[in-house]
Amino acid sequence: AVRAEESGRALAAARADLTVAEATRDGQAQATRDLDRFYREVLPADLSAAQRLTRSRLSLLARAHDVVFLQSSTTPETLNNSTLDRLVVTYSLTGDWEDVQRFVHAIETLPEFVLIDNLGLSESGEGNTSLSLSLSVSTYYRARSDVR
């Protein structure tokens, strides 16, 4: 009777361990599917797509929010020990306070993966309601050697 009781407890413990292991396996499988979907549907596919996103899309957003692009610079970065690379774009823009606010909000709520890394505001001049905006954004994309 004692052995049967011990065997019953061991069986219950083994079943609990199995349940935990299956949940872990299922969670890992779901995480892998979610990550694959993120790479396919959210991140730009390559450097060219990342440049289109950060240049064309943000240029259209700026125009739609009455913010004027003055200049920009683009820097692709290779990340060590990563399947992703990063594109950093720095902009100089000008606009009034409300337009700049709406523009920044529009960037923050884009469905695409664009991060605002740095943002600086300063007055454009005396008596002028216009602001100068220094904006640094980045996005990540699949590294060329990782393309399947």
Foldseek 3Di string as FASTA:
>chain_A
DVVVVVVVVVVVVVVVVVVVVVVVVVVVVVVVVVVVCCQVPAAQADPVSQCCCVPVVLCVLCVVLVKAWDDKDKDKADDPPDQKTKIKMKTKIKDADVSVVSSVVCQVPDSHDKAWPDWDWDPPDPPDRMIIIITMMMGMHGDPVNRD
